[in-house]
């Protein structure tokens, strides 16, 4: 299983909810086995610059590649990119 984790910060605080709503549309792409978009609670003072976290689970690299190749992924990226400041992504193989 591949875990796809992406951290975002908004350019403007007022856009955090909108960015989350836009990114939530990615859950409509059928290739993930689990998908969620959440707002960072910022309980940890060292993570206060991260506003939104996208977390998805994929059966394998092919499923993740199909997710990223889906037209909705590109459309969402085009809408969110102007509103975001930072984007950090990690795709990791889950330890069993």
N, C-alpha and C. Protein backbone atom coordinates (compact mmCIF):
# COMPACT_ATOMS: atom_id res chain seq x y z
N UNK A 1 0.85 -1.18 0.00
CA UNK A 1 0.00 0.00 0.00
C UNK A 1 0.89 1.24 0.00
N UNK A 2 0.47 2.23 -0.76
CA UNK A 2 1.16 3.52 -0.83
C UNK A 2 0.33 4.55 -0.05
N UNK A 3 1.00 5.27 0.82
CA UNK A 3 0.37 6.39 1.52
C UNK A 3 0.84 7.68 0.86
N UNK A 4 -0.12 8.46 0.40
CA UNK A 4 0.14 9.74 -0.28
C UNK A 4 -0.26 10.83 0.71
N UNK A 5 0.73 11.63 1.15
CA UNK A 5 0.48 12.65 2.16
C UNK A 5 0.98 13.99 1.61
N UNK A 6 0.10 14.98 1.62
CA UNK A 6 0.47 16.30 1.08
C UNK A 6 0.09 17.37 2.10
N UNK A 7 1.02 18.26 2.36
CA UNK A 7 0.82 19.37 3.29
C UNK A 7 0.75 20.68 2.49
N UNK A 8 -0.22 21.50 2.82
CA UNK A 8 -0.41 22.78 2.13
C UNK A 8 -0.46 23.92 3.14
N UNK A 9 0.00 25.08 2.71
CA UNK A 9 -0.29 26.31 3.45
C UNK A 9 -0.95 27.27 2.46
N UNK A 10 -1.84 28.07 2.99
CA UNK A 10 -2.55 29.04 2.17
C UNK A 10 -1.78 30.36 2.13
N UNK A 11 -1.83 31.03 0.99
CA UNK A 11 -1.24 32.37 0.89
C UNK A 11 -1.98 33.33 1.83
N UNK A 12 -3.32 33.18 1.85
CA UNK A 12 -4.16 34.03 2.69
C UNK A 12 -4.98 33.13 3.62
N UNK A 13 -5.01 33.46 4.88
CA UNK A 13 -5.75 32.66 5.85
C UNK A 13 -7.22 32.51 5.44
N UNK A 14 -7.78 33.52 4.81
CA UNK A 14 -9.19 33.50 4.41
C UNK A 14 -9.48 32.39 3.40
N UNK A 15 -8.46 31.86 2.73
CA UNK A 15 -8.66 30.84 1.69
C UNK A 15 -8.54 29.40 2.19
N UNK A 16 -8.25 29.19 3.46
CA UNK A 16 -8.01 27.83 3.97
C UNK A 16 -9.23 26.94 3.72
N UNK A 17 -10.41 27.38 4.08
CA UNK A 17 -11.62 26.56 3.89
C UNK A 17 -11.88 26.29 2.41
N UNK A 18 -11.68 27.29 1.58
CA UNK A 18 -11.89 27.12 0.14
C UNK A 18 -10.90 26.10 -0.44
N UNK A 19 -9.66 26.21 -0.03
CA UNK A 19 -8.66 25.24 -0.49
C UNK A 19 -9.05 23.83 -0.05
N UNK A 20 -9.45 23.69 1.21
CA UNK A 20 -9.87 22.38 1.70
C UNK A 20 -11.05 21.85 0.88
N UNK A 21 -12.02 22.70 0.60
CA UNK A 21 -13.17 22.27 -0.19
C UNK A 21 -12.75 21.84 -1.59
N UNK A 22 -11.87 22.60 -2.21
CA UNK A 22 -11.39 22.26 -3.56
C UNK A 22 -10.64 20.92 -3.54
N UNK A 23 -9.76 20.75 -2.56
CA UNK A 23 -8.99 19.51 -2.47
C UNK A 23 -9.87 18.31 -2.13
N UNK A 24 -10.94 18.53 -1.41
CA UNK A 24 -11.85 17.44 -1.07
C UNK A 24 -12.47 16.80 -2.31
N UNK A 25 -12.57 17.56 -3.38
CA UNK A 25 -13.11 17.01 -4.63
C UNK A 25 -12.26 15.85 -5.14
N UNK A 26 -10.98 15.83 -4.77
CA UNK A 26 -10.10 14.75 -5.21
C UNK A 26 -10.56 13.39 -4.68
N UNK A 27 -11.34 13.39 -3.62
CA UNK A 27 -11.89 12.14 -3.10
C UNK A 27 -12.84 11.47 -4.09
N UNK A 28 -13.28 12.20 -5.09
CA UNK A 28 -14.14 11.63 -6.13
C UNK A 28 -13.39 10.84 -7.17
N UNK A 29 -12.08 10.88 -7.13
CA UNK A 29 -11.27 10.09 -8.06
C UNK A 29 -11.26 8.65 -7.53
N UNK A 30 -11.61 7.68 -8.35
CA UNK A 30 -11.89 6.33 -7.84
C UNK A 30 -10.69 5.45 -7.48
N UNK A 31 -9.46 5.90 -7.55
CA UNK A 31 -8.31 5.01 -7.40
C UNK A 31 -7.80 4.83 -5.97
N UNK A 32 -8.29 5.61 -5.01
CA UNK A 32 -7.81 5.48 -3.63
C UNK A 32 -8.69 4.50 -2.85
N UNK A 33 -8.10 3.85 -1.86
CA UNK A 33 -8.87 2.99 -0.97
C UNK A 33 -9.30 3.76 0.28
N UNK A 34 -8.64 4.86 0.55
CA UNK A 34 -9.00 5.76 1.65
C UNK A 34 -8.52 7.16 1.25
N UNK A 35 -9.34 8.18 1.53
CA UNK A 35 -8.97 9.54 1.15
C UNK A 35 -9.60 10.51 2.13
N UNK A 36 -8.81 11.48 2.60
CA UNK A 36 -9.36 12.53 3.45
C UNK A 36 -8.55 13.82 3.31
N UNK A 37 -9.24 14.92 3.55
CA UNK A 37 -8.62 16.24 3.54
C UNK A 37 -9.02 16.90 4.86
N UNK A 38 -8.01 17.30 5.64
CA UNK A 38 -8.30 17.86 6.95
C UNK A 38 -7.53 19.17 7.17
N UNK A 39 -8.05 19.95 8.08
CA UNK A 39 -7.39 21.19 8.47
C UNK A 39 -6.46 20.87 9.65
N UNK A 40 -5.25 21.36 9.58
CA UNK A 40 -4.28 21.14 10.65
C UNK A 40 -4.75 21.83 11.93
N UNK A 41 -4.75 21.10 13.02
CA UNK A 41 -5.19 21.68 14.30
C UNK A 41 -4.14 22.61 14.89
N UNK A 42 -2.90 22.51 14.41
CA UNK A 42 -1.80 23.36 14.84
C UNK A 42 -1.55 23.26 16.35
N UNK A 43 -1.76 22.07 16.89
CA UNK A 43 -1.46 21.83 18.30
C UNK A 43 0.05 21.82 18.52
N UNK A 44 0.78 21.27 17.56
CA UNK A 44 2.24 21.23 17.63
C UNK A 44 2.77 22.57 17.14
N UNK A 45 3.47 23.33 17.98
CA UNK A 45 3.93 24.66 17.58
C UNK A 45 4.93 24.64 16.42
N UNK A 46 5.52 23.49 16.14
CA UNK A 46 6.48 23.40 15.04
C UNK A 46 5.80 23.14 13.70
N UNK A 47 4.48 22.98 13.70
CA UNK A 47 3.77 22.73 12.45
C UNK A 47 2.75 23.81 12.14
N UNK A 48 2.95 24.99 12.69
CA UNK A 48 1.94 26.03 12.54
C UNK A 48 1.87 26.64 11.15
N UNK A 49 2.84 26.35 10.27
CA UNK A 49 2.74 26.91 8.92
C UNK A 49 1.94 26.03 7.98
N UNK A 50 1.61 24.81 8.40
CA UNK A 50 0.81 23.91 7.58
C UNK A 50 -0.66 24.12 7.91
N UNK A 51 -1.48 24.37 6.88
CA UNK A 51 -2.91 24.62 7.08
C UNK A 51 -3.77 23.39 6.78
N UNK A 52 -3.42 22.64 5.75
CA UNK A 52 -4.28 21.56 5.24
C UNK A 52 -3.43 20.33 4.97
N UNK A 53 -4.00 19.16 5.27
CA UNK A 53 -3.33 17.90 5.01
C UNK A 53 -4.23 17.03 4.15
N UNK A 54 -3.67 16.52 3.05
CA UNK A 54 -4.36 15.54 2.20
C UNK A 54 -3.71 14.20 2.49
N UNK A 55 -4.55 13.19 2.76
CA UNK A 55 -4.04 11.85 3.04
C UNK A 55 -4.82 10.85 2.20
N UNK A 56 -4.11 10.06 1.42
CA UNK A 56 -4.75 9.03 0.62
C UNK A 56 -3.99 7.73 0.69
N UNK A 57 -4.71 6.63 0.57
CA UNK A 57 -4.09 5.31 0.51
C UNK A 57 -4.42 4.68 -0.83
N UNK A 58 -3.41 4.06 -1.42
CA UNK A 58 -3.54 3.47 -2.75
C UNK A 58 -2.97 2.06 -2.71
N UNK A 59 -3.58 1.16 -3.44
CA UNK A 59 -3.16 -0.24 -3.43
C UNK A 59 -1.71 -0.41 -3.87
N UNK A 60 -1.31 0.40 -4.85
CA UNK A 60 0.05 0.27 -5.40
C UNK A 60 0.41 1.52 -6.20
N UNK A 61 1.60 1.54 -6.75
CA UNK A 61 2.08 2.69 -7.53
C UNK A 61 1.19 2.96 -8.74
N UNK A 62 0.67 1.91 -9.35
CA UNK A 62 -0.20 2.08 -10.53
C UNK A 62 -1.47 2.83 -10.16
N UNK A 63 -2.06 2.51 -9.01
CA UNK A 63 -3.27 3.20 -8.57
C UNK A 63 -2.97 4.67 -8.27
N UNK A 64 -1.83 4.94 -7.66
CA UNK A 64 -1.45 6.32 -7.38
C UNK A 64 -1.21 7.08 -8.68
N UNK A 65 -0.55 6.45 -9.64
CA UNK A 65 -0.30 7.09 -10.93
C UNK A 65 -1.62 7.38 -11.65
N UNK A 66 -2.57 6.45 -11.58
CA UNK A 66 -3.87 6.65 -12.22
C UNK A 66 -4.62 7.81 -11.55
N UNK A 67 -4.51 7.92 -10.24
CA UNK A 67 -5.11 9.03 -9.49
C UNK A 67 -4.55 10.36 -9.99
N UNK A 68 -3.23 10.44 -10.10
CA UNK A 68 -2.58 11.69 -10.51
C UNK A 68 -2.82 12.00 -11.99
N UNK A 69 -3.15 10.99 -12.78
CA UNK A 69 -3.41 11.20 -14.21
C UNK A 69 -4.88 11.55 -14.48
N UNK A 70 -5.73 11.44 -13.49
CA UNK A 70 -7.16 11.71 -13.67
C UNK A 70 -7.37 13.20 -13.98
N UNK A 71 -8.28 13.53 -14.88
CA UNK A 71 -8.52 14.94 -15.23
C UNK A 71 -8.91 15.81 -14.03
N UNK A 72 -9.64 15.26 -13.08
CA UNK A 72 -10.04 16.05 -11.91
C UNK A 72 -8.82 16.48 -11.08
N UNK A 73 -7.78 15.66 -11.07
CA UNK A 73 -6.55 16.01 -10.34
C UNK A 73 -5.94 17.27 -10.95
N UNK A 74 -5.83 17.30 -12.27
CA UNK A 74 -5.26 18.47 -12.95
C UNK A 74 -6.14 19.71 -12.77
N UNK A 75 -7.44 19.55 -12.88
CA UNK A 75 -8.36 20.67 -12.72
C UNK A 75 -8.25 21.27 -11.31
N UNK A 76 -8.19 20.39 -10.32
CA UNK A 76 -8.08 20.84 -8.93
C UNK A 76 -6.76 21.55 -8.69
N UNK A 77 -5.69 21.00 -9.23
CA UNK A 77 -4.38 21.63 -9.10
C UNK A 77 -4.39 23.04 -9.67
N UNK A 78 -5.00 23.22 -10.81
CA UNK A 78 -5.05 24.54 -11.44
C UNK A 78 -5.83 25.54 -10.59
N UNK A 79 -6.87 25.08 -9.89
CA UNK A 79 -7.65 25.99 -9.03
C UNK A 79 -6.94 26.29 -7.72
N UNK A 80 -6.25 25.30 -7.15
CA UNK A 80 -5.65 25.47 -5.82
C UNK A 80 -4.29 26.16 -5.89
N UNK A 81 -3.51 25.89 -6.91
CA UNK A 81 -2.14 26.41 -6.97
C UNK A 81 -2.04 27.92 -6.71
N UNK A 82 -2.90 28.76 -7.28
CA UNK A 82 -2.76 30.21 -7.01
C UNK A 82 -3.05 30.61 -5.56
N UNK A 83 -3.75 29.75 -4.83
CA UNK A 83 -4.12 30.09 -3.45
C UNK A 83 -3.14 29.54 -2.42
N UNK A 84 -2.25 28.66 -2.84
CA UNK A 84 -1.36 28.03 -1.86
C UNK A 84 0.00 28.69 -1.84
N UNK A 85 0.64 28.60 -0.68
CA UNK A 85 2.00 29.10 -0.52
C UNK A 85 2.97 27.93 -0.60
N UNK A 86 2.82 26.99 0.33
CA UNK A 86 3.70 25.82 0.38
C UNK A 86 2.95 24.56 -0.01
N UNK A 87 3.69 23.61 -0.56
CA UNK A 87 3.15 22.28 -0.82
C UNK A 87 4.29 21.28 -0.65
N UNK A 88 4.12 20.38 0.31
CA UNK A 88 5.08 19.31 0.54
C UNK A 88 4.36 17.99 0.36
N UNK A 89 4.96 17.08 -0.37
CA UNK A 89 4.30 15.81 -0.66
C UNK A 89 5.24 14.65 -0.36
N UNK A 90 4.66 13.55 0.12
CA UNK A 90 5.42 12.32 0.34
C UNK A 90 4.56 11.14 -0.06
N UNK A 91 5.14 10.22 -0.79
CA UNK A 91 4.50 8.96 -1.16
C UNK A 91 5.35 7.86 -0.55
N UNK A 92 4.80 7.15 0.41
CA UNK A 92 5.58 6.16 1.14
C UNK A 92 4.90 4.80 1.09
N UNK A 93 5.72 3.77 1.08
CA UNK A 93 5.20 2.40 1.13
C UNK A 93 4.93 2.09 2.59
N UNK A 94 3.71 1.66 2.88
CA UNK A 94 3.32 1.37 4.25
C UNK A 94 4.01 0.09 4.72
N UNK A 95 4.55 0.14 5.92
CA UNK A 95 5.15 -1.05 6.53
C UNK A 95 4.03 -1.97 6.95
N UNK A 96 4.19 -3.19 6.72
CA UNK A 96 3.13 -4.16 7.10
C UNK A 96 3.44 -4.83 8.38
